[in-house]
N, C-alpha and C. Protein backbone atom coordinates (compact mmCIF):
# COMPACT_ATOMS: atom_id res chain seq x y z
N MET A 1 -5.68 -23.38 29.88
CA MET A 1 -5.11 -22.18 30.50
C MET A 1 -5.21 -21.03 29.52
N SER A 2 -5.85 -19.94 29.92
CA SER A 2 -6.05 -18.80 29.03
C SER A 2 -4.79 -17.96 28.93
N THR A 3 -4.61 -17.31 27.79
CA THR A 3 -3.47 -16.44 27.55
C THR A 3 -3.87 -15.00 27.81
N LEU A 4 -3.01 -14.29 28.52
CA LEU A 4 -3.28 -12.87 28.77
C LEU A 4 -3.24 -12.11 27.45
N THR A 5 -4.21 -11.25 27.24
CA THR A 5 -4.30 -10.50 25.99
C THR A 5 -5.12 -9.25 26.19
N LEU A 6 -4.84 -8.26 25.33
CA LEU A 6 -5.64 -7.03 25.31
C LEU A 6 -6.81 -7.17 24.35
N ALA A 7 -6.83 -8.26 23.60
CA ALA A 7 -7.85 -8.46 22.57
C ALA A 7 -9.13 -8.99 23.22
N LEU A 8 -9.87 -8.08 23.82
CA LEU A 8 -11.10 -8.47 24.49
C LEU A 8 -12.21 -8.66 23.46
N GLY A 9 -13.09 -9.61 23.72
CA GLY A 9 -14.23 -9.80 22.83
C GLY A 9 -13.93 -10.74 21.68
N ARG A 10 -14.79 -10.69 20.69
CA ARG A 10 -14.71 -11.61 19.56
C ARG A 10 -13.50 -11.32 18.68
N PRO A 11 -12.99 -12.33 17.99
CA PRO A 11 -11.77 -12.15 17.18
C PRO A 11 -11.99 -11.28 15.95
N THR A 12 -10.93 -10.61 15.55
CA THR A 12 -10.91 -9.80 14.34
C THR A 12 -9.98 -10.48 13.33
N ILE A 13 -9.78 -9.83 12.20
CA ILE A 13 -8.91 -10.41 11.17
C ILE A 13 -7.49 -10.57 11.69
N ALA A 14 -7.04 -9.68 12.58
CA ALA A 14 -5.69 -9.81 13.14
C ALA A 14 -5.56 -11.11 13.92
N ASP A 15 -6.64 -11.52 14.57
CA ASP A 15 -6.60 -12.75 15.37
C ASP A 15 -6.61 -13.99 14.50
N ARG A 16 -6.96 -13.85 13.23
CA ARG A 16 -6.88 -14.97 12.29
C ARG A 16 -5.45 -15.17 11.81
N VAL A 17 -4.66 -14.12 11.92
CA VAL A 17 -3.29 -14.18 11.43
C VAL A 17 -2.29 -14.41 12.56
N PHE A 18 -2.54 -13.76 13.71
CA PHE A 18 -1.62 -13.84 14.83
C PHE A 18 -2.30 -14.45 16.05
N SER A 19 -1.52 -15.13 16.85
CA SER A 19 -2.05 -15.67 18.10
C SER A 19 -2.24 -14.54 19.11
N ARG A 20 -3.18 -14.72 20.02
CA ARG A 20 -3.45 -13.70 21.02
C ARG A 20 -2.46 -13.82 22.19
N SER A 21 -1.74 -12.74 22.45
CA SER A 21 -0.86 -12.66 23.61
C SER A 21 -0.55 -11.19 23.84
N LEU A 22 -0.07 -10.86 25.02
CA LEU A 22 0.25 -9.47 25.32
C LEU A 22 1.37 -8.94 24.43
N VAL A 23 2.34 -9.80 24.12
CA VAL A 23 3.45 -9.36 23.26
C VAL A 23 2.94 -9.05 21.86
N VAL A 24 2.12 -9.94 21.31
CA VAL A 24 1.55 -9.71 19.98
C VAL A 24 0.66 -8.47 20.00
N ASP A 25 -0.13 -8.32 21.04
CA ASP A 25 -1.00 -7.15 21.15
C ASP A 25 -0.18 -5.86 21.14
N ALA A 26 0.91 -5.84 21.90
CA ALA A 26 1.75 -4.65 21.97
C ALA A 26 2.34 -4.31 20.60
N VAL A 27 2.79 -5.35 19.89
CA VAL A 27 3.36 -5.12 18.56
C VAL A 27 2.29 -4.57 17.61
N LEU A 28 1.09 -5.12 17.68
CA LEU A 28 0.01 -4.65 16.81
C LEU A 28 -0.41 -3.22 17.14
N VAL A 29 -0.45 -2.90 18.41
CA VAL A 29 -0.79 -1.52 18.82
C VAL A 29 0.23 -0.53 18.28
N VAL A 30 1.51 -0.87 18.43
CA VAL A 30 2.57 0.00 17.91
C VAL A 30 2.51 0.09 16.39
N ALA A 31 2.25 -1.04 15.73
CA ALA A 31 2.16 -1.05 14.27
C ALA A 31 1.01 -0.18 13.78
N GLY A 32 -0.11 -0.21 14.50
CA GLY A 32 -1.24 0.63 14.12
C GLY A 32 -0.93 2.11 14.24
N ALA A 33 -0.23 2.48 15.31
CA ALA A 33 0.19 3.87 15.48
C ALA A 33 1.16 4.28 14.37
N ALA A 34 2.07 3.37 14.02
CA ALA A 34 3.04 3.66 12.96
C ALA A 34 2.35 3.83 11.61
N LEU A 35 1.37 2.96 11.32
CA LEU A 35 0.63 3.08 10.07
C LEU A 35 -0.08 4.42 9.98
N THR A 36 -0.68 4.85 11.07
CA THR A 36 -1.38 6.15 11.09
C THR A 36 -0.39 7.29 10.89
N ALA A 37 0.79 7.18 11.50
CA ALA A 37 1.81 8.22 11.33
C ALA A 37 2.26 8.32 9.88
N VAL A 38 2.43 7.18 9.22
CA VAL A 38 2.83 7.19 7.81
C VAL A 38 1.71 7.79 6.95
N ALA A 39 0.47 7.38 7.22
CA ALA A 39 -0.66 7.90 6.44
C ALA A 39 -0.82 9.40 6.63
N ALA A 40 -0.45 9.91 7.79
CA ALA A 40 -0.56 11.35 8.05
C ALA A 40 0.34 12.17 7.13
N GLN A 41 1.41 11.53 6.66
CA GLN A 41 2.35 12.26 5.79
C GLN A 41 1.81 12.40 4.37
N ILE A 42 0.77 11.62 4.04
CA ILE A 42 0.09 11.78 2.76
C ILE A 42 -0.91 12.91 2.95
N SER A 43 -0.49 14.10 2.62
CA SER A 43 -1.24 15.28 3.03
C SER A 43 -1.38 16.30 1.91
N ILE A 44 -2.56 16.87 1.82
CA ILE A 44 -2.81 17.99 0.92
C ILE A 44 -2.99 19.22 1.81
N PRO A 45 -2.04 20.16 1.75
CA PRO A 45 -2.14 21.33 2.63
C PRO A 45 -3.44 22.10 2.40
N LEU A 46 -4.12 22.37 3.49
CA LEU A 46 -5.38 23.11 3.44
C LEU A 46 -5.56 23.75 4.79
N GLN A 47 -5.90 25.01 4.79
CA GLN A 47 -6.08 25.73 6.05
C GLN A 47 -7.56 25.82 6.42
N PRO A 48 -7.87 25.64 7.71
CA PRO A 48 -6.94 25.39 8.82
C PRO A 48 -6.69 23.90 9.09
N VAL A 49 -7.37 23.00 8.35
CA VAL A 49 -7.22 21.56 8.57
C VAL A 49 -6.83 20.90 7.25
N PRO A 50 -5.67 20.20 7.21
CA PRO A 50 -5.24 19.57 5.96
C PRO A 50 -6.03 18.30 5.65
N ILE A 51 -6.03 17.92 4.39
CA ILE A 51 -6.60 16.64 3.97
C ILE A 51 -5.48 15.61 4.02
N THR A 52 -5.69 14.49 4.71
CA THR A 52 -4.63 13.49 4.86
C THR A 52 -5.20 12.08 4.65
N GLY A 53 -4.29 11.12 4.69
CA GLY A 53 -4.69 9.72 4.60
C GLY A 53 -4.95 9.10 5.96
N GLN A 54 -4.92 9.90 7.02
CA GLN A 54 -5.06 9.37 8.37
C GLN A 54 -6.34 8.59 8.60
N THR A 55 -7.46 9.14 8.14
CA THR A 55 -8.74 8.52 8.47
C THR A 55 -8.81 7.09 7.98
N LEU A 56 -8.33 6.83 6.78
CA LEU A 56 -8.33 5.47 6.26
C LEU A 56 -7.52 4.56 7.16
N ALA A 57 -6.34 5.02 7.57
CA ALA A 57 -5.49 4.22 8.46
C ALA A 57 -6.18 3.97 9.79
N VAL A 58 -6.80 5.01 10.34
CA VAL A 58 -7.48 4.89 11.63
C VAL A 58 -8.57 3.82 11.58
N LEU A 59 -9.38 3.85 10.54
CA LEU A 59 -10.48 2.90 10.43
C LEU A 59 -9.98 1.48 10.17
N LEU A 60 -8.93 1.36 9.39
CA LEU A 60 -8.34 0.03 9.17
C LEU A 60 -7.73 -0.53 10.45
N VAL A 61 -7.10 0.33 11.22
CA VAL A 61 -6.55 -0.11 12.50
C VAL A 61 -7.69 -0.61 13.40
N GLY A 62 -8.79 0.13 13.43
CA GLY A 62 -9.92 -0.26 14.25
C GLY A 62 -10.50 -1.61 13.86
N VAL A 63 -10.82 -1.78 12.57
CA VAL A 63 -11.46 -3.04 12.16
C VAL A 63 -10.49 -4.21 12.22
N THR A 64 -9.22 -3.94 12.09
CA THR A 64 -8.23 -5.01 12.12
C THR A 64 -7.93 -5.48 13.53
N LEU A 65 -7.80 -4.53 14.45
CA LEU A 65 -7.37 -4.86 15.81
C LEU A 65 -8.52 -5.03 16.79
N GLY A 66 -9.69 -4.48 16.48
CA GLY A 66 -10.79 -4.52 17.43
C GLY A 66 -10.83 -3.27 18.29
N ALA A 67 -11.86 -3.16 19.11
CA ALA A 67 -12.12 -1.92 19.85
C ALA A 67 -11.00 -1.55 20.80
N THR A 68 -10.59 -2.47 21.65
CA THR A 68 -9.61 -2.15 22.69
C THR A 68 -8.24 -1.83 22.11
N ARG A 69 -7.71 -2.74 21.30
CA ARG A 69 -6.38 -2.52 20.74
C ARG A 69 -6.38 -1.36 19.75
N GLY A 70 -7.48 -1.19 19.01
CA GLY A 70 -7.56 -0.07 18.08
C GLY A 70 -7.52 1.26 18.79
N ALA A 71 -8.30 1.39 19.86
CA ALA A 71 -8.31 2.63 20.63
C ALA A 71 -6.95 2.90 21.27
N LEU A 72 -6.32 1.85 21.81
CA LEU A 72 -5.00 2.02 22.41
C LEU A 72 -3.97 2.45 21.37
N SER A 73 -4.08 1.91 20.18
CA SER A 73 -3.14 2.26 19.11
C SER A 73 -3.23 3.74 18.75
N LEU A 74 -4.46 4.24 18.65
CA LEU A 74 -4.62 5.65 18.28
C LEU A 74 -4.32 6.57 19.46
N ALA A 75 -4.55 6.09 20.69
CA ALA A 75 -4.14 6.86 21.86
C ALA A 75 -2.62 6.97 21.89
N LEU A 76 -1.93 5.88 21.57
CA LEU A 76 -0.47 5.91 21.49
C LEU A 76 -0.01 6.89 20.43
N TYR A 77 -0.67 6.88 19.29
CA TYR A 77 -0.34 7.83 18.21
C TYR A 77 -0.43 9.27 18.70
N ALA A 78 -1.52 9.59 19.41
CA ALA A 78 -1.69 10.96 19.92
C ALA A 78 -0.59 11.32 20.92
N VAL A 79 -0.27 10.38 21.80
CA VAL A 79 0.75 10.63 22.82
C VAL A 79 2.12 10.84 22.17
N LEU A 80 2.44 10.04 21.16
CA LEU A 80 3.73 10.18 20.48
C LEU A 80 3.89 11.57 19.87
N GLY A 81 2.81 12.10 19.30
CA GLY A 81 2.88 13.45 18.76
C GLY A 81 3.02 14.50 19.84
N LEU A 82 2.35 14.30 20.94
CA LEU A 82 2.40 15.28 22.02
C LEU A 82 3.76 15.31 22.72
N VAL A 83 4.46 14.18 22.73
CA VAL A 83 5.77 14.16 23.39
C VAL A 83 6.89 14.60 22.46
N GLY A 84 6.56 14.87 21.19
CA GLY A 84 7.57 15.47 20.32
C GLY A 84 7.94 14.74 19.06
N LEU A 85 7.38 13.55 18.81
CA LEU A 85 7.70 12.85 17.57
C LEU A 85 6.88 13.43 16.41
N PRO A 86 7.48 13.52 15.21
CA PRO A 86 6.80 14.14 14.06
C PRO A 86 5.82 13.19 13.38
N VAL A 87 4.77 12.80 14.09
CA VAL A 87 3.83 11.81 13.55
C VAL A 87 2.57 12.44 12.98
N PHE A 88 2.31 13.70 13.30
CA PHE A 88 1.11 14.34 12.79
C PHE A 88 1.35 14.85 11.37
N ALA A 89 0.27 15.26 10.72
CA ALA A 89 0.37 15.75 9.34
C ALA A 89 1.26 16.99 9.28
N PRO A 90 2.08 17.11 8.24
CA PRO A 90 2.96 18.28 8.12
C PRO A 90 2.18 19.56 7.86
N ASP A 91 2.77 20.66 8.29
CA ASP A 91 2.19 21.97 8.05
C ASP A 91 2.48 22.40 6.61
N ASP A 92 2.03 23.59 6.24
CA ASP A 92 2.23 24.06 4.86
C ASP A 92 3.69 24.08 4.45
N ASP A 93 4.59 24.39 5.39
CA ASP A 93 6.01 24.47 5.06
C ASP A 93 6.74 23.15 5.24
N GLY A 94 6.01 22.09 5.50
CA GLY A 94 6.62 20.78 5.65
C GLY A 94 7.04 20.44 7.06
N SER A 95 6.92 21.39 7.98
CA SER A 95 7.28 21.14 9.37
C SER A 95 6.15 20.40 10.08
N HIS A 96 6.47 19.82 11.23
CA HIS A 96 5.49 19.06 12.00
C HIS A 96 5.25 19.73 13.35
N LEU A 97 4.00 19.96 13.66
CA LEU A 97 3.66 20.47 14.97
C LEU A 97 3.73 19.34 15.99
N THR A 98 4.34 19.60 17.12
CA THR A 98 4.44 18.60 18.18
C THR A 98 4.15 19.28 19.51
N GLY A 99 3.95 18.47 20.54
CA GLY A 99 3.79 19.00 21.87
C GLY A 99 2.63 19.96 22.02
N SER A 100 2.85 21.04 22.75
CA SER A 100 1.78 22.00 23.01
C SER A 100 1.31 22.69 21.74
N ALA A 101 2.22 22.86 20.76
CA ALA A 101 1.82 23.49 19.49
C ALA A 101 0.80 22.61 18.77
N ALA A 102 1.01 21.31 18.79
CA ALA A 102 0.05 20.39 18.17
C ALA A 102 -1.27 20.39 18.93
N PHE A 103 -1.17 20.39 20.26
CA PHE A 103 -2.38 20.39 21.07
C PHE A 103 -3.22 21.63 20.82
N GLY A 104 -2.56 22.75 20.55
CA GLY A 104 -3.27 24.00 20.31
C GLY A 104 -3.62 24.25 18.86
N SER A 105 -3.42 23.26 18.00
CA SER A 105 -3.70 23.44 16.58
C SER A 105 -5.18 23.26 16.29
N ALA A 106 -5.57 23.69 15.11
CA ALA A 106 -6.98 23.60 14.71
C ALA A 106 -7.45 22.16 14.53
N SER A 107 -6.52 21.26 14.24
CA SER A 107 -6.90 19.90 13.86
C SER A 107 -6.75 18.87 14.97
N PHE A 108 -6.32 19.28 16.16
CA PHE A 108 -6.07 18.26 17.19
C PHE A 108 -7.35 17.58 17.66
N GLY A 109 -8.48 18.25 17.55
CA GLY A 109 -9.74 17.60 17.91
C GLY A 109 -10.00 16.36 17.09
N TYR A 110 -9.57 16.36 15.83
CA TYR A 110 -9.74 15.18 14.99
C TYR A 110 -8.88 14.03 15.51
N VAL A 111 -7.69 14.37 16.00
CA VAL A 111 -6.79 13.35 16.55
C VAL A 111 -7.44 12.66 17.75
N ILE A 112 -8.08 13.44 18.60
CA ILE A 112 -8.82 12.86 19.72
C ILE A 112 -9.95 11.97 19.20
N GLY A 113 -10.64 12.45 18.19
CA GLY A 113 -11.73 11.68 17.61
C GLY A 113 -11.27 10.37 17.00
N PHE A 114 -10.01 10.31 16.53
CA PHE A 114 -9.50 9.08 15.95
C PHE A 114 -9.56 7.92 16.94
N ILE A 115 -9.31 8.20 18.21
CA ILE A 115 -9.31 7.14 19.22
C ILE A 115 -10.69 6.49 19.30
N PHE A 116 -11.72 7.32 19.31
CA PHE A 116 -13.08 6.82 19.42
C PHE A 116 -13.56 6.21 18.10
N ALA A 117 -13.06 6.72 16.98
CA ALA A 117 -13.41 6.15 15.68
C ALA A 117 -12.87 4.72 15.57
N ALA A 118 -11.62 4.52 16.01
CA ALA A 118 -11.04 3.18 15.98
C ALA A 118 -11.81 2.24 16.92
N ALA A 119 -12.21 2.76 18.07
CA ALA A 119 -12.97 1.94 19.01
C ALA A 119 -14.31 1.52 18.42
N LEU A 120 -14.99 2.45 17.75
CA LEU A 120 -16.30 2.13 17.17
C LEU A 120 -16.18 1.12 16.04
N THR A 121 -15.27 1.36 15.10
CA THR A 121 -15.13 0.42 13.98
C THR A 121 -14.64 -0.94 14.47
N GLY A 122 -13.79 -0.92 15.50
CA GLY A 122 -13.34 -2.18 16.07
C GLY A 122 -14.48 -2.94 16.72
N TRP A 123 -15.35 -2.23 17.41
CA TRP A 123 -16.52 -2.84 18.06
C TRP A 123 -17.44 -3.44 17.00
N LEU A 124 -17.64 -2.73 15.92
CA LEU A 124 -18.49 -3.24 14.84
C LEU A 124 -17.84 -4.45 14.16
N ALA A 125 -16.52 -4.41 13.99
CA ALA A 125 -15.83 -5.54 13.38
C ALA A 125 -15.96 -6.79 14.25
N GLN A 126 -15.93 -6.60 15.56
CA GLN A 126 -16.07 -7.74 16.46
C GLN A 126 -17.49 -8.30 16.44
N ARG A 127 -18.39 -7.60 15.80
CA ARG A 127 -19.74 -8.09 15.58
C ARG A 127 -19.97 -8.44 14.11
N GLN A 128 -18.85 -8.69 13.43
CA GLN A 128 -18.81 -9.21 12.06
C GLN A 128 -19.37 -8.25 11.01
N TRP A 129 -19.28 -6.96 11.27
CA TRP A 129 -19.66 -5.98 10.26
C TRP A 129 -18.61 -5.87 9.16
N ASP A 130 -17.47 -6.49 9.34
CA ASP A 130 -16.38 -6.34 8.38
C ASP A 130 -16.29 -7.51 7.40
N ARG A 131 -17.25 -8.45 7.45
CA ARG A 131 -17.15 -9.65 6.63
C ARG A 131 -17.71 -9.44 5.22
N LYS A 132 -18.76 -8.64 5.09
CA LYS A 132 -19.41 -8.37 3.81
C LYS A 132 -19.27 -6.89 3.47
N PHE A 133 -19.18 -6.60 2.17
CA PHE A 133 -18.82 -5.24 1.75
C PHE A 133 -19.80 -4.18 2.25
N LEU A 134 -21.11 -4.39 2.09
CA LEU A 134 -22.06 -3.35 2.44
C LEU A 134 -22.07 -3.06 3.94
N ARG A 135 -21.99 -4.11 4.75
CA ARG A 135 -21.93 -3.89 6.20
C ARG A 135 -20.60 -3.24 6.58
N ALA A 136 -19.53 -3.65 5.92
CA ALA A 136 -18.23 -3.03 6.18
C ALA A 136 -18.25 -1.55 5.80
N LEU A 137 -18.91 -1.26 4.68
CA LEU A 137 -19.03 0.13 4.25
C LEU A 137 -19.78 0.95 5.30
N GLY A 138 -20.84 0.36 5.86
CA GLY A 138 -21.58 1.03 6.92
C GLY A 138 -20.71 1.29 8.13
N ALA A 139 -19.87 0.31 8.49
CA ALA A 139 -18.97 0.47 9.63
C ALA A 139 -17.96 1.58 9.37
N PHE A 140 -17.44 1.64 8.15
CA PHE A 140 -16.46 2.67 7.82
C PHE A 140 -17.10 4.05 7.77
N PHE A 141 -18.32 4.14 7.27
CA PHE A 141 -19.01 5.43 7.28
C PHE A 141 -19.27 5.89 8.71
N ALA A 142 -19.71 4.96 9.56
CA ALA A 142 -19.96 5.30 10.96
C ALA A 142 -18.68 5.79 11.64
N GLY A 143 -17.59 5.07 11.39
CA GLY A 143 -16.32 5.47 11.97
C GLY A 143 -15.82 6.79 11.42
N SER A 144 -16.13 7.08 10.16
CA SER A 144 -15.69 8.34 9.54
C SER A 144 -16.34 9.56 10.17
N VAL A 145 -17.55 9.38 10.70
CA VAL A 145 -18.28 10.50 11.29
C VAL A 145 -17.67 10.91 12.63
N VAL A 146 -17.15 9.95 13.37
CA VAL A 146 -16.72 10.20 14.75
C VAL A 146 -15.66 11.30 14.86
N PRO A 147 -14.59 11.30 14.05
CA PRO A 147 -13.60 12.37 14.20
C PRO A 147 -14.19 13.77 14.01
N PHE A 148 -15.23 13.89 13.18
CA PHE A 148 -15.85 15.20 12.98
C PHE A 148 -16.61 15.65 14.22
N VAL A 149 -17.16 14.72 14.98
CA VAL A 149 -17.88 15.09 16.21
C VAL A 149 -16.95 15.83 17.14
N PHE A 150 -15.74 15.32 17.28
CA PHE A 150 -14.75 15.97 18.15
C PHE A 150 -14.04 17.12 17.43
N GLY A 151 -13.69 16.87 16.17
CA GLY A 151 -12.90 17.85 15.43
C GLY A 151 -13.60 19.16 15.18
N LEU A 152 -14.89 19.12 14.87
CA LEU A 152 -15.61 20.36 14.56
C LEU A 152 -15.84 21.20 15.81
N VAL A 153 -16.09 20.54 16.94
CA VAL A 153 -16.23 21.31 18.19
C VAL A 153 -14.92 21.99 18.53
N TRP A 154 -13.82 21.23 18.43
CA TRP A 154 -12.48 21.78 18.70
C TRP A 154 -12.18 22.93 17.73
N LEU A 155 -12.49 22.72 16.47
CA LEU A 155 -12.23 23.73 15.44
C LEU A 155 -13.02 25.01 15.70
N ALA A 156 -14.27 24.87 16.13
CA ALA A 156 -15.09 26.05 16.41
C ALA A 156 -14.45 26.89 17.50
N VAL A 157 -13.94 26.24 18.54
CA VAL A 157 -13.27 26.97 19.62
C VAL A 157 -12.00 27.62 19.11
N TRP A 158 -11.24 26.89 18.30
CA TRP A 158 -9.98 27.41 17.77
C TRP A 158 -10.23 28.63 16.88
N LEU A 159 -11.22 28.55 16.01
CA LEU A 159 -11.54 29.67 15.13
C LEU A 159 -11.92 30.90 15.94
N GLY A 160 -12.75 30.69 16.96
CA GLY A 160 -13.15 31.81 17.79
C GLY A 160 -11.98 32.45 18.51
N ASN A 161 -11.10 31.62 19.05
CA ASN A 161 -9.93 32.15 19.76
C ASN A 161 -8.97 32.87 18.83
N ALA A 162 -8.93 32.42 17.57
CA ALA A 162 -8.04 33.04 16.58
C ALA A 162 -8.65 34.28 15.94
N GLY A 163 -9.88 34.62 16.31
CA GLY A 163 -10.53 35.81 15.77
C GLY A 163 -11.24 35.60 14.45
N PHE A 164 -11.45 34.34 14.05
CA PHE A 164 -12.16 34.03 12.81
C PHE A 164 -13.63 33.73 13.11
N PRO A 165 -14.50 33.87 12.12
CA PRO A 165 -15.91 33.49 12.33
C PRO A 165 -16.01 32.02 12.70
N ASN A 166 -16.80 31.72 13.71
CA ASN A 166 -16.95 30.32 14.12
C ASN A 166 -18.42 29.91 14.24
N ASP A 167 -19.24 30.52 13.40
CA ASP A 167 -20.63 30.06 13.30
C ASP A 167 -20.64 28.70 12.63
N LEU A 168 -21.79 28.03 12.64
CA LEU A 168 -21.88 26.66 12.14
C LEU A 168 -21.41 26.53 10.71
N ASN A 169 -21.86 27.42 9.85
CA ASN A 169 -21.48 27.31 8.44
C ASN A 169 -19.98 27.52 8.26
N SER A 170 -19.41 28.46 8.98
CA SER A 170 -17.97 28.71 8.86
C SER A 170 -17.17 27.49 9.31
N VAL A 171 -17.62 26.86 10.38
CA VAL A 171 -16.93 25.67 10.87
C VAL A 171 -17.05 24.53 9.86
N LEU A 172 -18.23 24.34 9.29
CA LEU A 172 -18.42 23.27 8.31
C LEU A 172 -17.60 23.52 7.05
N VAL A 173 -17.53 24.77 6.62
CA VAL A 173 -16.73 25.11 5.44
C VAL A 173 -15.26 24.82 5.69
N SER A 174 -14.80 25.09 6.90
CA SER A 174 -13.38 24.91 7.23
C SER A 174 -13.02 23.46 7.53
N GLY A 175 -13.95 22.72 8.15
CA GLY A 175 -13.55 21.42 8.67
C GLY A 175 -14.39 20.23 8.29
N PHE A 176 -15.39 20.42 7.40
CA PHE A 176 -16.23 19.27 7.04
C PHE A 176 -16.44 19.14 5.53
N TYR A 177 -16.95 20.18 4.89
CA TYR A 177 -17.28 20.09 3.47
C TYR A 177 -16.11 19.63 2.60
N PRO A 178 -14.87 20.12 2.83
CA PRO A 178 -13.77 19.70 1.94
C PRO A 178 -13.41 18.23 2.06
N PHE A 179 -13.93 17.57 3.09
CA PHE A 179 -13.52 16.20 3.36
C PHE A 179 -14.57 15.16 2.95
N ILE A 180 -15.71 15.60 2.46
CA ILE A 180 -16.80 14.67 2.19
C ILE A 180 -16.44 13.67 1.09
N ILE A 181 -15.99 14.17 -0.06
CA ILE A 181 -15.69 13.27 -1.18
C ILE A 181 -14.57 12.31 -0.81
N GLY A 182 -13.51 12.83 -0.21
CA GLY A 182 -12.40 11.97 0.20
C GLY A 182 -12.84 10.94 1.23
N GLY A 183 -13.74 11.34 2.13
CA GLY A 183 -14.23 10.43 3.13
C GLY A 183 -15.00 9.27 2.53
N VAL A 184 -15.82 9.57 1.53
CA VAL A 184 -16.58 8.51 0.84
C VAL A 184 -15.62 7.54 0.15
N ILE A 185 -14.61 8.09 -0.53
CA ILE A 185 -13.64 7.24 -1.23
C ILE A 185 -12.87 6.37 -0.25
N LYS A 186 -12.43 6.96 0.86
CA LYS A 186 -11.65 6.19 1.84
C LYS A 186 -12.51 5.12 2.51
N ALA A 187 -13.78 5.42 2.77
CA ALA A 187 -14.66 4.42 3.37
C ALA A 187 -14.85 3.23 2.43
N ALA A 188 -15.07 3.52 1.15
CA ALA A 188 -15.25 2.45 0.17
C ALA A 188 -13.97 1.64 0.01
N LEU A 189 -12.84 2.32 -0.02
CA LEU A 189 -11.55 1.63 -0.15
C LEU A 189 -11.28 0.74 1.06
N GLY A 190 -11.53 1.29 2.25
CA GLY A 190 -11.31 0.51 3.46
C GLY A 190 -12.22 -0.70 3.54
N ALA A 191 -13.50 -0.53 3.16
CA ALA A 191 -14.43 -1.65 3.17
C ALA A 191 -13.98 -2.73 2.19
N GLY A 192 -13.48 -2.31 1.04
CA GLY A 192 -12.98 -3.27 0.07
C GLY A 192 -11.77 -4.02 0.59
N ILE A 193 -10.86 -3.32 1.24
CA ILE A 193 -9.64 -3.96 1.76
C ILE A 193 -9.98 -5.01 2.82
N ILE A 194 -10.84 -4.66 3.77
CA ILE A 194 -11.11 -5.58 4.87
C ILE A 194 -11.93 -6.78 4.41
N THR A 195 -12.86 -6.57 3.48
CA THR A 195 -13.64 -7.72 2.99
C THR A 195 -12.77 -8.64 2.13
N LEU A 196 -11.84 -8.08 1.40
CA LEU A 196 -10.90 -8.92 0.64
C LEU A 196 -10.00 -9.71 1.58
N ALA A 197 -9.62 -9.08 2.71
CA ALA A 197 -8.80 -9.79 3.69
C ALA A 197 -9.55 -10.99 4.26
N TRP A 198 -10.83 -10.82 4.56
CA TRP A 198 -11.62 -11.94 5.07
C TRP A 198 -11.84 -13.00 3.99
N PHE A 199 -12.01 -12.57 2.75
CA PHE A 199 -12.15 -13.52 1.64
C PHE A 199 -10.89 -14.37 1.54
N GLY A 200 -9.74 -13.74 1.65
CA GLY A 200 -8.48 -14.47 1.62
C GLY A 200 -8.35 -15.43 2.79
N ALA A 201 -8.81 -15.01 3.97
CA ALA A 201 -8.74 -15.88 5.15
C ALA A 201 -9.62 -17.11 4.97
N ARG A 202 -10.81 -16.92 4.41
CA ARG A 202 -11.71 -18.06 4.18
C ARG A 202 -11.13 -19.02 3.14
N LYS A 203 -10.53 -18.47 2.10
CA LYS A 203 -9.91 -19.32 1.08
C LYS A 203 -8.75 -20.12 1.67
N ALA A 204 -7.99 -19.49 2.56
CA ALA A 204 -6.88 -20.19 3.21
C ALA A 204 -7.41 -21.34 4.06
N ASP A 205 -8.52 -21.10 4.76
CA ASP A 205 -9.13 -22.17 5.56
C ASP A 205 -9.59 -23.33 4.67
N GLU A 206 -10.17 -23.00 3.52
CA GLU A 206 -10.64 -24.04 2.60
C GLU A 206 -9.46 -24.88 2.08
N ARG A 207 -8.35 -24.22 1.79
CA ARG A 207 -7.18 -24.95 1.30
C ARG A 207 -6.64 -25.90 2.37
N LYS A 208 -6.66 -25.43 3.63
CA LYS A 208 -6.19 -26.29 4.73
C LYS A 208 -7.10 -27.50 4.89
N GLN A 209 -8.40 -27.27 4.80
CA GLN A 209 -9.35 -28.37 4.92
C GLN A 209 -9.18 -29.38 3.79
N ASN A 210 -8.98 -28.86 2.58
CA ASN A 210 -8.81 -29.74 1.43
C ASN A 210 -7.52 -30.56 1.55
N ARG A 211 -6.45 -29.92 2.05
CA ARG A 211 -5.20 -30.68 2.24
C ARG A 211 -5.39 -31.78 3.30
N GLY A 212 -6.17 -31.43 4.37
CA GLY A 212 -6.44 -32.41 5.41
C GLY A 212 -7.19 -33.61 4.87
N ILE A 213 -8.16 -33.35 4.00
CA ILE A 213 -8.94 -34.43 3.39
C ILE A 213 -8.06 -35.29 2.51
N ASP A 214 -7.19 -34.64 1.71
CA ASP A 214 -6.32 -35.38 0.80
C ASP A 214 -5.34 -36.26 1.58
N GLU A 215 -4.81 -35.74 2.68
CA GLU A 215 -3.83 -36.49 3.47
C GLU A 215 -4.50 -37.66 4.18
N ALA A 216 -5.80 -37.45 4.56
CA ALA A 216 -6.51 -38.54 5.22
C ALA A 216 -6.77 -39.69 4.24
């Protein structure tokens, strides 16, 4: 008899730790949104888009939970901010934009992109891109690009509406170039974390097998 679950497709590292069920899935989705909210508070104020720890959290949520649960987790994160919870990155004065103010901010396009970034990295993880460092690094780099696809288009519109130059170079200066070095570091860090997690899972399996042999 199969168990109802949101974890469609091949198992991820989360499925090695937790059994698949709707209750577990719901807890993991909420935990992923919470992790992203905490990472958003690690912020370096920068106008019009701050540098935060969100991207690392987003990609880890994706590779850990898989495409479906990862995307749902980041969709939940976006909804929580829109309904008024202070989950997005703080502004220069430490306040948090919520609701319509957040939706109309320069950086909300990146938040939309997070949903698709988690889905992509989760999809790649379900195809075992997260088991070895170099493939995991490729998955994290691919996922890192996705928020910019949405974020830069949104930013270009925002700059134009605000009366600022919104030509390609201006948009890249405001929303892409400052994030390149941090993005590379976060991708490498995330790839290291997930491959170490799988290394630990394999070692745990070996210990179980060895205990089984000894007991036999």
